[in-house]
């Protein structure tokens, strides 16, 4: 679990370095049948910022947690990019897509941690 905590911290740092907003960490460990133990959800103001956040997460996680994503889906349109780190799934949205999919409320039994915006 310690490695997972370090991974979540590195992901959060990568998001913050590109001014990603409204970061939520959803702890799914107490819920049966989930595809990951944690979701990290955030948003960028534009597809360009979503791509920059995605790249930043990849770099920070590689250097600080020595991990690479198993998959990255959604680049190109960059309305919603998902990064798969096994135990941790990262979701980077533009605001409209985030509101539409409303992942935070989809897992209502999850323990949610809201990370304050830096600016």
PDB file of N, CA and C in Angstrom:
ATOM      1  N   UNK A   1       0.826  -1.208   0.000  1.00  0.00           N
ATOM      2  CA  UNK A   1       0.000   0.000   0.000  1.00  0.00           C
ATOM      3  C   UNK A   1       0.860   1.258   0.000  1.00  0.00           C
ATOM      4  N   UNK A   2       2.069   1.144   0.569  1.00  0.00           N
ATOM      5  CA  UNK A   2       2.966   2.300   0.625  1.00  0.00           C
ATOM      6  C   UNK A   2       3.316   2.787  -0.783  1.00  0.00           C
ATOM      7  N   UNK A   3       3.570   1.823  -1.694  1.00  0.00           N
ATOM      8  CA  UNK A   3       3.883   2.169  -3.081  1.00  0.00           C
ATOM      9  C   UNK A   3       2.695   2.897  -3.717  1.00  0.00           C
ATOM     10  N   UNK A   4       1.485   2.451  -3.411  1.00  0.00           N
ATOM     11  CA  UNK A   4       0.290   3.095  -3.959  1.00  0.00           C
ATOM     12  C   UNK A   4       0.169   4.526  -3.444  1.00  0.00           C
ATOM     13  N   UNK A   5       0.459   4.736  -2.168  1.00  0.00           N
ATOM     14  CA  UNK A   5       0.412   6.087  -1.597  1.00  0.00           C
ATOM     15  C   UNK A   5       1.419   6.995  -2.296  1.00  0.00           C
ATOM     16  N   UNK A   6       2.625   6.486  -2.516  1.00  0.00           N
ATOM     17  CA  UNK A   6       3.647   7.266  -3.209  1.00  0.00           C
ATOM     18  C   UNK A   6       3.199   7.584  -4.639  1.00  0.00           C
ATOM     19  N   UNK A   7       2.563   6.627  -5.276  1.00  0.00           N
ATOM     20  CA  UNK A   7       2.055   6.811  -6.636  1.00  0.00           C
ATOM     21  C   UNK A   7       0.996   7.915  -6.671  1.00  0.00           C
ATOM     22  N   UNK A   8       0.054   7.875  -5.746  1.00  0.00           N
ATOM     23  CA  UNK A   8      -1.003   8.909  -5.691  1.00  0.00           C
ATOM     24  C   UNK A   8      -0.380  10.278  -5.441  1.00  0.00           C
ATOM     25  N   UNK A   9       0.605  10.351  -4.563  1.00  0.00           N
ATOM     26  CA  UNK A   9       1.274  11.637  -4.289  1.00  0.00           C
ATOM     27  C   UNK A   9       1.997  12.163  -5.524  1.00  0.00           C
ATOM     28  N   UNK A  10       2.663  11.282  -6.265  1.00  0.00           N
ATOM     29  CA  UNK A  10       3.375  11.690  -7.482  1.00  0.00           C
ATOM     30  C   UNK A  10       2.389  12.154  -8.556  1.00  0.00           C
ATOM     31  N   UNK A  11       1.279  11.451  -8.679  1.00  0.00           N
ATOM     32  CA  UNK A  11       0.244  11.844  -9.647  1.00  0.00           C
ATOM     33  C   UNK A  11      -0.286  13.237  -9.298  1.00  0.00           C
ATOM     34  N   UNK A  12      -0.584  13.454  -8.013  1.00  0.00           N
ATOM     35  CA  UNK A  12      -1.092  14.746  -7.553  1.00  0.00           C
ATOM     36  C   UNK A  12      -0.095  15.861  -7.868  1.00  0.00           C
ATOM     37  N   UNK A  13       1.178  15.610  -7.603  1.00  0.00           N
ATOM     38  CA  UNK A  13       2.211  16.605  -7.887  1.00  0.00           C
ATOM     39  C   UNK A  13       2.264  16.923  -9.377  1.00  0.00           C
ATOM     40  N   UNK A  14       2.175  15.885 -10.211  1.00  0.00           N
ATOM     41  CA  UNK A  14       2.188  16.084 -11.658  1.00  0.00           C
ATOM     42  C   UNK A  14       1.019  16.944 -12.123  1.00  0.00           C
ATOM     43  N   UNK A  15      -0.133  16.741 -11.518  1.00  0.00           N
ATOM     44  CA  UNK A  15      -1.320  17.547 -11.844  1.00  0.00           C
ATOM     45  C   UNK A  15      -1.083  19.000 -11.441  1.00  0.00           C
ATOM     46  N   UNK A  16      -0.589  19.187 -10.224  1.00  0.00           N
ATOM     47  CA  UNK A  16      -0.401  20.538  -9.697  1.00  0.00           C
ATOM     48  C   UNK A  16       0.658  21.318 -10.464  1.00  0.00           C
ATOM     49  N   UNK A  17       1.668  20.629 -10.987  1.00  0.00           N
ATOM     50  CA  UNK A  17       2.721  21.322 -11.729  1.00  0.00           C
ATOM     51  C   UNK A  17       2.191  21.997 -12.996  1.00  0.00           C
ATOM     52  N   UNK A  18       1.084  21.488 -13.530  1.00  0.00           N
ATOM     53  CA  UNK A  18       0.478  22.111 -14.716  1.00  0.00           C
ATOM     54  C   UNK A  18      -0.841  22.798 -14.363  1.00  0.00           C
ATOM     55  N   UNK A  19      -0.980  23.141 -13.084  1.00  0.00           N
ATOM     56  CA  UNK A  19      -2.138  23.877 -12.581  1.00  0.00           C
ATOM     57  C   UNK A  19      -3.479  23.184 -12.835  1.00  0.00           C
ATOM     58  N   UNK A  20      -3.469  21.848 -12.753  1.00  0.00           N
ATOM     59  CA  UNK A  20      -4.723  21.109 -12.804  1.00  0.00           C
ATOM     60  C   UNK A  20      -5.573  21.504 -11.603  1.00  0.00           C
ATOM     61  N   UNK A  21      -6.879  21.487 -11.767  1.00  0.00           N
ATOM     62  CA  UNK A  21      -7.797  22.007 -10.746  1.00  0.00           C
ATOM     63  C   UNK A  21      -8.686  20.907 -10.173  1.00  0.00           C
ATOM     64  N   UNK A  22      -9.201  21.206  -8.982  1.00  0.00           N
ATOM     65  CA  UNK A  22     -10.246  20.390  -8.351  1.00  0.00           C
ATOM     66  C   UNK A  22      -9.888  18.904  -8.314  1.00  0.00           C
ATOM     67  N   UNK A  23      -8.731  18.616  -7.721  1.00  0.00           N
ATOM     68  CA  UNK A  23      -8.260  17.231  -7.630  1.00  0.00           C
ATOM     69  C   UNK A  23      -9.054  16.500  -6.548  1.00  0.00           C
ATOM     70  N   UNK A  24      -9.555  15.328  -6.906  1.00  0.00           N
ATOM     71  CA  UNK A  24     -10.256  14.465  -5.957  1.00  0.00           C
ATOM     72  C   UNK A  24      -9.615  13.079  -6.022  1.00  0.00           C
ATOM     73  N   UNK A  25      -9.271  12.545  -4.843  1.00  0.00           N
ATOM     74  CA  UNK A  25      -8.778  11.179  -4.756  1.00  0.00           C
ATOM     75  C   UNK A  25      -9.907  10.339  -4.179  1.00  0.00           C
ATOM     76  N   UNK A  26     -10.371   9.367  -4.956  1.00  0.00           N
ATOM     77  CA  UNK A  26     -11.443   8.474  -4.510  1.00  0.00           C
ATOM     78  C   UNK A  26     -10.819   7.153  -4.075  1.00  0.00           C
ATOM     79  N   UNK A  27     -10.972   6.827  -2.794  1.00  0.00           N
ATOM     80  CA  UNK A  27     -10.456   5.575  -2.244  1.00  0.00           C
ATOM     81  C   UNK A  27     -11.533   4.511  -2.424  1.00  0.00           C
ATOM     82  N   UNK A  28     -11.253   3.548  -3.315  1.00  0.00           N
ATOM     83  CA  UNK A  28     -12.230   2.505  -3.642  1.00  0.00           C
ATOM     84  C   UNK A  28     -11.889   1.171  -2.978  1.00  0.00           C
ATOM     85  N   UNK A  29     -10.922   1.177  -2.061  1.00  0.00           N
ATOM     86  CA  UNK A  29     -10.441  -0.085  -1.488  1.00  0.00           C
ATOM     87  C   UNK A  29     -11.524  -0.845  -0.713  1.00  0.00           C
ATOM     88  N   UNK A  30     -12.506  -0.143  -0.188  1.00  0.00           N
ATOM     89  CA  UNK A  30     -13.555  -0.825   0.575  1.00  0.00           C
ATOM     90  C   UNK A  30     -14.746  -1.262  -0.257  1.00  0.00           C
ATOM     91  N   UNK A  31     -14.653  -1.114  -1.569  1.00  0.00           N
ATOM     92  CA  UNK A  31     -15.785  -1.426  -2.442  1.00  0.00           C
ATOM     93  C   UNK A  31     -15.449  -2.651  -3.283  1.00  0.00           C
ATOM     94  N   UNK A  32     -16.311  -3.671  -3.241  1.00  0.00           N
ATOM     95  CA  UNK A  32     -16.075  -4.897  -4.010  1.00  0.00           C
ATOM     96  C   UNK A  32     -16.242  -4.660  -5.500  1.00  0.00           C
ATOM     97  N   UNK A  33     -15.431  -5.333  -6.289  1.00  0.00           N
ATOM     98  CA  UNK A  33     -15.620  -5.360  -7.734  1.00  0.00           C
ATOM     99  C   UNK A  33     -15.143  -4.130  -8.487  1.00  0.00           C
ATOM    100  N   UNK A  34     -14.340  -3.275  -7.867  1.00  0.00           N
ATOM    101  CA  UNK A  34     -13.847  -2.099  -8.584  1.00  0.00           C
ATOM    102  C   UNK A  34     -12.630  -2.479  -9.426  1.00  0.00           C
ATOM    103  N   UNK A  35     -12.375  -1.691 -10.460  1.00  0.00           N
ATOM    104  CA  UNK A  35     -11.276  -1.999 -11.364  1.00  0.00           C
ATOM    105  C   UNK A  35      -9.946  -1.438 -10.875  1.00  0.00           C
ATOM    106  N   UNK A  36      -9.969  -0.627  -9.840  1.00  0.00           N
ATOM    107  CA  UNK A  36      -8.749  -0.053  -9.270  1.00  0.00           C
ATOM    108  C   UNK A  36      -9.000   0.232  -7.796  1.00  0.00           C
ATOM    109  N   UNK A  37      -7.926   0.476  -7.048  1.00  0.00           N
ATOM    110  CA  UNK A  37      -8.076   0.831  -5.639  1.00  0.00           C
ATOM    111  C   UNK A  37      -8.315   2.322  -5.446  1.00  0.00           C
ATOM    112  N   UNK A  38      -7.813   3.116  -6.381  1.00  0.00           N
ATOM    113  CA  UNK A  38      -7.968   4.574  -6.290  1.00  0.00           C
ATOM    114  C   UNK A  38      -8.271   5.153  -7.655  1.00  0.00           C
ATOM    115  N   UNK A  39      -9.099   6.181  -7.671  1.00  0.00           N
ATOM    116  CA  UNK A  39      -9.254   7.065  -8.821  1.00  0.00           C
ATOM    117  C   UNK A  39      -8.681   8.411  -8.398  1.00  0.00           C
ATOM    118  N   UNK A  40      -7.918   9.039  -9.274  1.00  0.00           N
ATOM    119  CA  UNK A  40      -7.513  10.419  -9.081  1.00  0.00           C
ATOM    120  C   UNK A  40      -8.162  11.188 -10.221  1.00  0.00           C
ATOM    121  N   UNK A  41      -8.998  12.162  -9.870  1.00  0.00           N
ATOM    122  CA  UNK A  41      -9.802  12.900 -10.852  1.00  0.00           C
ATOM    123  C   UNK A  41      -9.412  14.372 -10.781  1.00  0.00           C
ATOM    124  N   UNK A  42      -9.244  14.987 -11.940  1.00  0.00           N
ATOM    125  CA  UNK A  42      -8.934  16.421 -11.963  1.00  0.00           C
ATOM    126  C   UNK A  42      -9.422  17.010 -13.278  1.00  0.00           C
ATOM    127  N   UNK A  43      -9.196  18.305 -13.429  1.00  0.00           N
ATOM    128  CA  UNK A  43      -9.576  18.938 -14.687  1.00  0.00           C
ATOM    129  C   UNK A  43      -8.570  19.994 -15.099  1.00  0.00           C
ATOM    130  N   UNK A  44      -8.523  20.185 -16.416  1.00  0.00           N
ATOM    131  CA  UNK A  44      -7.780  21.280 -17.026  1.00  0.00           C
ATOM    132  C   UNK A  44      -8.782  22.136 -17.766  1.00  0.00           C
ATOM    133  N   UNK A  45      -8.433  23.382 -18.025  1.00  0.00           N
ATOM    134  CA  UNK A  45      -9.394  24.310 -18.640  1.00  0.00           C
ATOM    135  C   UNK A  45      -9.579  24.117 -20.137  1.00  0.00           C
ATOM    136  N   UNK A  46      -8.657  23.392 -20.780  1.00  0.00           N
ATOM    137  CA  UNK A  46      -8.725  23.218 -22.235  1.00  0.00           C
ATOM    138  C   UNK A  46      -8.096  21.875 -22.598  1.00  0.00           C
ATOM    139  N   UNK A  47      -8.373  21.387 -23.805  1.00  0.00           N
ATOM    140  CA  UNK A  47      -7.708  20.157 -24.247  1.00  0.00           C
ATOM    141  C   UNK A  47      -6.178  20.274 -24.193  1.00  0.00           C
ATOM    142  N   UNK A  48      -5.640  21.444 -24.496  1.00  0.00           N
ATOM    143  CA  UNK A  48      -4.189  21.645 -24.438  1.00  0.00           C
ATOM    144  C   UNK A  48      -3.671  21.463 -23.021  1.00  0.00           C
ATOM    145  N   UNK A  49      -4.395  22.018 -22.038  1.00  0.00           N
ATOM    146  CA  UNK A  49      -3.974  21.859 -20.644  1.00  0.00           C
ATOM    147  C   UNK A  49      -4.129  20.406 -20.193  1.00  0.00           C
ATOM    148  N   UNK A  50      -5.185  19.734 -20.644  1.00  0.00           N
ATOM    149  CA  UNK A  50      -5.377  18.321 -20.307  1.00  0.00           C
ATOM    150  C   UNK A  50      -4.176  17.507 -20.795  1.00  0.00           C
ATOM    151  N   UNK A  51      -3.706  17.787 -22.020  1.00  0.00           N
ATOM    152  CA  UNK A  51      -2.537  17.080 -22.543  1.00  0.00           C
ATOM    153  C   UNK A  51      -1.290  17.399 -21.727  1.00  0.00           C
ATOM    154  N   UNK A  52      -1.114  18.660 -21.350  1.00  0.00           N
ATOM    155  CA  UNK A  52       0.054  19.063 -20.555  1.00  0.00           C
ATOM    156  C   UNK A  52       0.041  18.374 -19.186  1.00  0.00           C
ATOM    157  N   UNK A  53      -1.133  18.282 -18.574  1.00  0.00           N
ATOM    158  CA  UNK A  53      -1.262  17.594 -17.283  1.00  0.00           C
ATOM    159  C   UNK A  53      -0.904  16.115 -17.447  1.00  0.00           C
ATOM    160  N   UNK A  54      -1.401  15.496 -18.517  1.00  0.00           N
ATOM    161  CA  UNK A  54      -1.110  14.082 -18.786  1.00  0.00           C
ATOM    162  C   UNK A  54       0.394  13.855 -18.898  1.00  0.00           C
ATOM    163  N   UNK A  55       1.072  14.703 -19.667  1.00  0.00           N
ATOM    164  CA  UNK A  55       2.528  14.574 -19.831  1.00  0.00           C
ATOM    165  C   UNK A  55       3.244  14.779 -18.503  1.00  0.00           C
ATOM    166  N   UNK A  56       2.801  15.767 -17.736  1.00  0.00           N
ATOM    167  CA  UNK A  56       3.426  16.068 -16.451  1.00  0.00           C
ATOM    168  C   UNK A  56       3.281  14.899 -15.478  1.00  0.00           C
ATOM    169  N   UNK A  57       2.102  14.305 -15.419  1.00  0.00           N
ATOM    170  CA  UNK A  57       1.891  13.142 -14.549  1.00  0.00           C
ATOM    171  C   UNK A  57       2.862  12.030 -14.944  1.00  0.00           C
ATOM    172  N   UNK A  58       2.954  11.753 -16.242  1.00  0.00           N
ATOM    173  CA  UNK A  58       3.848  10.700 -16.721  1.00  0.00           C
ATOM    174  C   UNK A  58       5.280  10.927 -16.283  1.00  0.00           C
ATOM    175  N   UNK A  59       5.764  12.184 -16.412  1.00  0.00           N
ATOM    176  CA  UNK A  59       7.149  12.510 -16.050  1.00  0.00           C
ATOM    177  C   UNK A  59       7.383  12.405 -14.543  1.00  0.00           C
ATOM    178  N   UNK A  60       6.496  13.007 -13.755  1.00  0.00           N
ATOM    179  CA  UNK A  60       6.680  13.014 -12.300  1.00  0.00           C
ATOM    180  C   UNK A  60       6.592  11.585 -11.738  1.00  0.00           C
ATOM    181  N   UNK A  61       5.633  10.814 -12.207  1.00  0.00           N
ATOM    182  CA  UNK A  61       5.478   9.444 -11.711  1.00  0.00           C
ATOM    183  C   UNK A  61       6.691   8.596 -12.099  1.00  0.00           C
ATOM    184  N   UNK A  62       7.201   8.803 -13.300  1.00  0.00           N
ATOM    185  CA  UNK A  62       8.379   8.034 -13.738  1.00  0.00           C
ATOM    186  C   UNK A  62       9.597   8.341 -12.849  1.00  0.00           C
ATOM    187  N   UNK A  63       9.804   9.613 -12.524  1.00  0.00           N
ATOM    188  CA  UNK A  63      10.983   9.976 -11.734  1.00  0.00           C
ATOM    189  C   UNK A  63      10.799   9.726 -10.238  1.00  0.00           C
ATOM    190  N   UNK A  64       9.589   9.917  -9.704  1.00  0.00           N
ATOM    191  CA  UNK A  64       9.396   9.825  -8.250  1.00  0.00           C
ATOM    192  C   UNK A  64       8.862   8.482  -7.761  1.00  0.00           C
ATOM    193  N   UNK A  65       8.133   7.772  -8.601  1.00  0.00           N
ATOM    194  CA  UNK A  65       7.573   6.487  -8.169  1.00  0.00           C
ATOM    195  C   UNK A  65       8.068   5.334  -9.043  1.00  0.00           C
ATOM    196  N   UNK A  66       8.891   5.654 -10.040  1.00  0.00           N
ATOM    197  CA  UNK A  66       9.481   4.660 -10.931  1.00  0.00           C
ATOM    198  C   UNK A  66       8.418   3.760 -11.573  1.00  0.00           C
ATOM    199  N   UNK A  67       7.354   4.390 -12.054  1.00  0.00           N
ATOM    200  CA  UNK A  67       6.286   3.635 -12.719  1.00  0.00           C
ATOM    201  C   UNK A  67       5.905   4.304 -14.031  1.00  0.00           C
ATOM    202  N   UNK A  68       5.432   3.478 -14.951  1.00  0.00           N
ATOM    203  CA  UNK A  68       4.902   3.985 -16.221  1.00  0.00           C
ATOM    204  C   UNK A  68       3.462   3.511 -16.333  1.00  0.00           C
ATOM    205  N   UNK A  69       2.602   4.301 -16.998  1.00  0.00           N
ATOM    206  CA  UNK A  69       1.215   3.851 -17.148  1.00  0.00           C
ATOM    207  C   UNK A  69       1.130   2.620 -18.045  1.00  0.00           C
ATOM    208  N   UNK A  70       0.208   1.725 -17.710  1.00  0.00           N
ATOM    209  CA  UNK A  70      -0.032   0.551 -18.548  1.00  0.00           C
ATOM    210  C   UNK A  70      -0.780   0.951 -19.810  1.00  0.00           C
ATOM    211  N   UNK A  71      -1.493   2.063 -19.719  1.00  0.00           N
ATOM    212  CA  UNK A  71      -2.224   2.564 -20.877  1.00  0.00           C
ATOM    213  C   UNK A  71      -2.650   3.994 -20.663  1.00  0.00           C
ATOM    214  N   UNK A  72      -2.757   4.719 -21.774  1.00  0.00           N
ATOM    215  CA  UNK A  72      -3.276   6.088 -21.758  1.00  0.00           C
ATOM    216  C   UNK A  72      -4.277   6.173 -22.898  1.00  0.00           C
ATOM    217  N   UNK A  73      -5.503   6.587 -22.578  1.00  0.00           N
ATOM    218  CA  UNK A  73      -6.566   6.645 -23.571  1.00  0.00           C
ATOM    219  C   UNK A  73      -7.159   8.049 -23.598  1.00  0.00           C
ATOM    220  N   UNK A  74      -7.468   8.555 -24.789  1.00  0.00           N
ATOM    221  CA  UNK A  74      -8.184   9.825 -24.893  1.00  0.00           C
ATOM    222  C   UNK A  74      -7.348  10.974 -25.404  1.00  0.00           C
ATOM    223  N   UNK A  75      -6.035  10.778 -25.564  1.00  0.00           N
ATOM    224  CA  UNK A  75      -5.224  11.862 -26.128  1.00  0.00           C
ATOM    225  C   UNK A  75      -5.643  12.080 -27.576  1.00  0.00           C
ATOM    226  N   UNK A  76      -5.515  13.296 -28.046  1.00  0.00           N
ATOM    227  CA  UNK A  76      -5.973  13.626 -29.393  1.00  0.00           C
ATOM    228  C   UNK A  76      -7.145  14.564 -29.258  1.00  0.00           C
ATOM    229  N   UNK A  77      -8.266  14.053 -28.772  1.00  0.00           N
ATOM    230  CA  UNK A  77      -9.401  14.933 -28.481  1.00  0.00           C
ATOM    231  C   UNK A  77      -9.181  15.638 -27.151  1.00  0.00           C
ATOM    232  N   UNK A  78      -8.638  14.892 -26.198  1.00  0.00           N
ATOM    233  CA  UNK A  78      -8.283  15.419 -24.875  1.00  0.00           C
ATOM    234  C   UNK A  78      -9.438  16.112 -24.155  1.00  0.00           C
ATOM    235  N   UNK A  79     -10.629  15.543 -24.266  1.00  0.00           N
ATOM    236  CA  UNK A  79     -11.765  15.981 -23.453  1.00  0.00           C
ATOM    237  C   UNK A  79     -11.754  15.214 -22.131  1.00  0.00           C
ATOM    238  N   UNK A  80     -11.310  13.953 -22.219  1.00  0.00           N
ATOM    239  CA  UNK A  80     -11.203  13.076 -21.061  1.00  0.00           C
ATOM    240  C   UNK A  80     -10.064  12.118 -21.344  1.00  0.00           C
ATOM    241  N   UNK A  81      -8.977  12.241 -20.598  1.00  0.00           N
ATOM    242  CA  UNK A  81      -7.847  11.331 -20.736  1.00  0.00           C
ATOM    243  C   UNK A  81      -7.810  10.439 -19.501  1.00  0.00           C
ATOM    244  N   UNK A  82      -7.662   9.147 -19.725  1.00  0.00           N
ATOM    245  CA  UNK A  82      -7.528   8.189 -18.625  1.00  0.00           C
ATOM    246  C   UNK A  82      -6.136   7.577 -18.684  1.00  0.00           C
ATOM    247  N   UNK A  83      -5.482   7.524 -17.516  1.00  0.00           N
ATOM    248  CA  UNK A  83      -4.164   6.905 -17.392  1.00  0.00           C
ATOM    249  C   UNK A  83      -4.294   5.737 -16.419  1.00  0.00           C
ATOM    250  N   UNK A  84      -3.831   4.565 -16.838  1.00  0.00           N
ATOM    251  CA  UNK A  84      -3.974   3.355 -16.034  1.00  0.00           C
ATOM    252  C   UNK A  84      -2.643   2.982 -15.396  1.00  0.00           C
ATOM    253  N   UNK A  85      -2.584   3.121 -14.072  1.00  0.00           N
ATOM    254  CA  UNK A  85      -1.407   2.708 -13.311  1.00  0.00           C
ATOM    255  C   UNK A  85      -1.713   1.462 -12.479  1.00  0.00           C
ATOM    256  N   UNK A  86      -2.635   0.634 -12.934  1.00  0.00           N
ATOM    257  CA  UNK A  86      -2.968  -0.598 -12.213  1.00  0.00           C
ATOM    258  C   UNK A  86      -3.866  -0.334 -11.028  1.00  0.00           C
ATOM    259  N   UNK A  87      -3.273  -0.118  -9.856  1.00  0.00           N
ATOM    260  CA  UNK A  87      -4.047   0.159  -8.644  1.00  0.00           C
ATOM    261  C   UNK A  87      -4.688   1.544  -8.674  1.00  0.00           C
ATOM    262  N   UNK A  88      -4.153   2.425  -9.530  1.00  0.00           N
ATOM    263  CA  UNK A  88      -4.622   3.807  -9.574  1.00  0.00           C
ATOM    264  C   UNK A  88      -4.994   4.170 -11.009  1.00  0.00           C
ATOM    265  N   UNK A  89      -6.221   4.660 -11.191  1.00  0.00           N
ATOM    266  CA  UNK A  89      -6.652   5.193 -12.480  1.00  0.00           C
ATOM    267  C   UNK A  89      -6.752   6.708 -12.361  1.00  0.00           C
ATOM    268  N   UNK A  90      -6.172   7.403 -13.330  1.00  0.00           N
ATOM    269  CA  UNK A  90      -6.195   8.863 -13.333  1.00  0.00           C
ATOM    270  C   UNK A  90      -7.149   9.319 -14.429  1.00  0.00           C
ATOM    271  N   UNK A  91      -8.027  10.256 -14.083  1.00  0.00           N
ATOM    272  CA  UNK A  91      -8.980  10.813 -15.046  1.00  0.00           C
ATOM    273  C   UNK A  91      -8.758  12.319 -15.116  1.00  0.00           C
ATOM    274  N   UNK A  92      -8.423  12.812 -16.318  1.00  0.00           N
ATOM    275  CA  UNK A  92      -8.179  14.243 -16.518  1.00  0.00           C
ATOM    276  C   UNK A  92      -9.226  14.731 -17.507  1.00  0.00           C
ATOM    277  N   UNK A  93     -10.059  15.645 -17.061  1.00  0.00           N
ATOM    278  CA  UNK A  93     -11.191  16.118 -17.855  1.00  0.00           C
ATOM    279  C   UNK A  93     -11.065  17.590 -18.213  1.00  0.00           C
ATOM    280  N   UNK A  94     -11.780  17.996 -19.282  1.00  0.00           N
ATOM    281  CA  UNK A  94     -12.146  19.405 -19.421  1.00  0.00           C
ATOM    282  C   UNK A  94     -13.421  19.553 -18.585  1.00  0.00           C
ATOM    283  N   UNK A  95     -13.735  20.775 -18.107  1.00  0.00           N
ATOM    284  CA  UNK A  95     -14.856  20.937 -17.158  1.00  0.00           C
ATOM    285  C   UNK A  95     -16.197  20.357 -17.625  1.00  0.00           C
ATOM    286  N   UNK A  96     -16.585  20.558 -18.887  1.00  0.00           N
ATOM    287  CA  UNK A  96     -17.889  20.050 -19.360  1.00  0.00           C
ATOM    288  C   UNK A  96     -17.978  18.535 -19.278  1.00  0.00           C
ATOM    289  N   UNK A  97     -16.918  17.856 -19.693  1.00  0.00           N
ATOM    290  CA  UNK A  97     -16.914  16.390 -19.666  1.00  0.00           C
ATOM    291  C   UNK A  97     -16.929  15.887 -18.219  1.00  0.00           C
ATOM    292  N   UNK A  98     -16.194  16.578 -17.348  1.00  0.00           N
ATOM    293  CA  UNK A  98     -16.176  16.149 -15.949  1.00  0.00           C
ATOM    294  C   UNK A  98     -17.569  16.248 -15.338  1.00  0.00           C
ATOM    295  N   UNK A  99     -18.233  17.344 -15.614  1.00  0.00           N
ATOM    296  CA  UNK A  99     -19.585  17.533 -15.087  1.00  0.00           C
ATOM    297  C   UNK A  99     -20.531  16.464 -15.643  1.00  0.00           C
ATOM    298  N   UNK A 100     -20.391  16.168 -16.933  1.00  0.00           N
ATOM    299  CA  UNK A 100     -21.265  15.198 -17.587  1.00  0.00           C
ATOM    300  C   UNK A 100     -21.096  13.799 -17.000  1.00  0.00           C
ATOM    301  N   UNK A 101     -19.860  13.342 -16.861  1.00  0.00           N
ATOM    302  CA  UNK A 101     -19.617  11.971 -16.387  1.00  0.00           C
ATOM    303  C   UNK A 101     -19.718  11.841 -14.870  1.00  0.00           C
ATOM    304  N   UNK A 102     -19.429  12.905 -14.145  1.00  0.00           N
ATOM    305  CA  UNK A 102     -19.658  12.971 -12.697  1.00  0.00           C
ATOM    306  C   UNK A 102     -19.124  11.745 -11.949  1.00  0.00           C
ATOM    307  N   UNK A 103     -17.873  11.388 -12.224  1.00  0.00           N
ATOM    308  CA  UNK A 103     -17.296  10.171 -11.634  1.00  0.00           C
ATOM    309  C   UNK A 103     -17.286  10.184 -10.110  1.00  0.00           C
ATOM    310  N   UNK A 104     -17.089  11.369  -9.508  1.00  0.00           N
ATOM    311  CA  UNK A 104     -17.037  11.426  -8.046  1.00  0.00           C
ATOM    312  C   UNK A 104     -18.309  10.872  -7.417  1.00  0.00           C
ATOM    313  N   UNK A 105     -19.442  11.157  -8.039  1.00  0.00           N
ATOM    314  CA  UNK A 105     -20.714  10.714  -7.464  1.00  0.00           C
ATOM    315  C   UNK A 105     -21.146   9.339  -7.941  1.00  0.00           C
ATOM    316  N   UNK A 106     -20.465   8.818  -8.964  1.00  0.00           N
ATOM    317  CA  UNK A 106     -20.748   7.470  -9.448  1.00  0.00           C
ATOM    318  C   UNK A 106     -20.382   6.444  -8.370  1.00  0.00           C
ATOM    319  N   UNK A 107     -19.291   6.721  -7.659  1.00  0.00           N
ATOM    320  CA  UNK A 107     -18.821   5.832  -6.598  1.00  0.00           C
ATOM    321  C   UNK A 107     -19.184   6.457  -5.251  1.00  0.00           C
ATOM    322  N   UNK A 108     -20.452   6.501  -4.928  1.00  0.00           N
ATOM    323  CA  UNK A 108     -20.896   7.222  -3.730  1.00  0.00           C
ATOM    324  C   UNK A 108     -20.398   6.593  -2.438  1.00  0.00           C
ATOM    325  N   UNK A 109     -20.003   5.309  -2.461  1.00  0.00           N
ATOM    326  CA  UNK A 109     -19.473   4.663  -1.259  1.00  0.00           C
ATOM    327  C   UNK A 109     -17.987   4.934  -1.054  1.00  0.00           C
ATOM    328  N   UNK A 110     -17.341   5.532  -2.053  1.00  0.00           N
ATOM    329  CA  UNK A 110     -15.907   5.786  -1.951  1.00  0.00           C
ATOM    330  C   UNK A 110     -15.632   6.918  -0.971  1.00  0.00           C
ATOM    331  N   UNK A 111     -14.480   6.826  -0.321  1.00  0.00           N
ATOM    332  CA  UNK A 111     -14.028   7.928   0.527  1.00  0.00           C
ATOM    333  C   UNK A 111     -13.326   8.925  -0.383  1.00  0.00           C
ATOM    334  N   UNK A 112     -13.835  10.167  -0.417  1.00  0.00           N
ATOM    335  CA  UNK A 112     -13.285  11.187  -1.307  1.00  0.00           C
ATOM    336  C   UNK A 112     -12.400  12.156  -0.535  1.00  0.00           C
ATOM    337  N   UNK A 113     -11.224  12.426  -1.073  1.00  0.00           N
ATOM    338  CA  UNK A 113     -10.321  13.419  -0.508  1.00  0.00           C
ATOM    339  C   UNK A 113     -10.179  14.521  -1.544  1.00  0.00           C
ATOM    340  N   UNK A 114     -10.559  15.734  -1.167  1.00  0.00           N
ATOM    341  CA  UNK A 114     -10.439  16.885  -2.064  1.00  0.00           C
ATOM    342  C   UNK A 114      -9.116  17.607  -1.778  1.00  0.00           C
ATOM    343  N   UNK A 115      -8.296  17.742  -2.799  1.00  0.00           N
ATOM    344  CA  UNK A 115      -7.001  18.411  -2.648  1.00  0.00           C
ATOM    345  C   UNK A 115      -7.198  19.885  -3.012  1.00  0.00           C
ATOM    346  N   UNK A 116      -6.853  20.810  -2.130  1.00  0.00           N
ATOM    347  CA  UNK A 116      -7.065  22.222  -2.445  1.00  0.00           C
ATOM    348  C   UNK A 116      -6.267  22.678  -3.671  1.00  0.00           C
ATOM    349  N   UNK A 117      -6.862  23.569  -4.467  1.00  0.00           N
ATOM    350  CA  UNK A 117      -6.151  24.149  -5.604  1.00  0.00           C
ATOM    351  C   UNK A 117      -4.998  24.986  -5.091  1.00  0.00           C
ATOM    352  N   UNK A 118      -3.906  25.027  -5.852  1.00  0.00           N
ATOM    353  CA  UNK A 118      -2.725  25.755  -5.416  1.00  0.00           C
ATOM    354  C   UNK A 118      -2.835  27.267  -5.611  1.00  0.00           C
ATOM    355  N   UNK A 119      -3.617  27.689  -6.620  1.00  0.00           N
ATOM    356  CA  UNK A 119      -3.673  29.147  -6.872  1.00  0.00           C
ATOM    357  C   UNK A 119      -4.933  29.774  -6.303  1.00  0.00           C
TER     358      UNK A 119
END
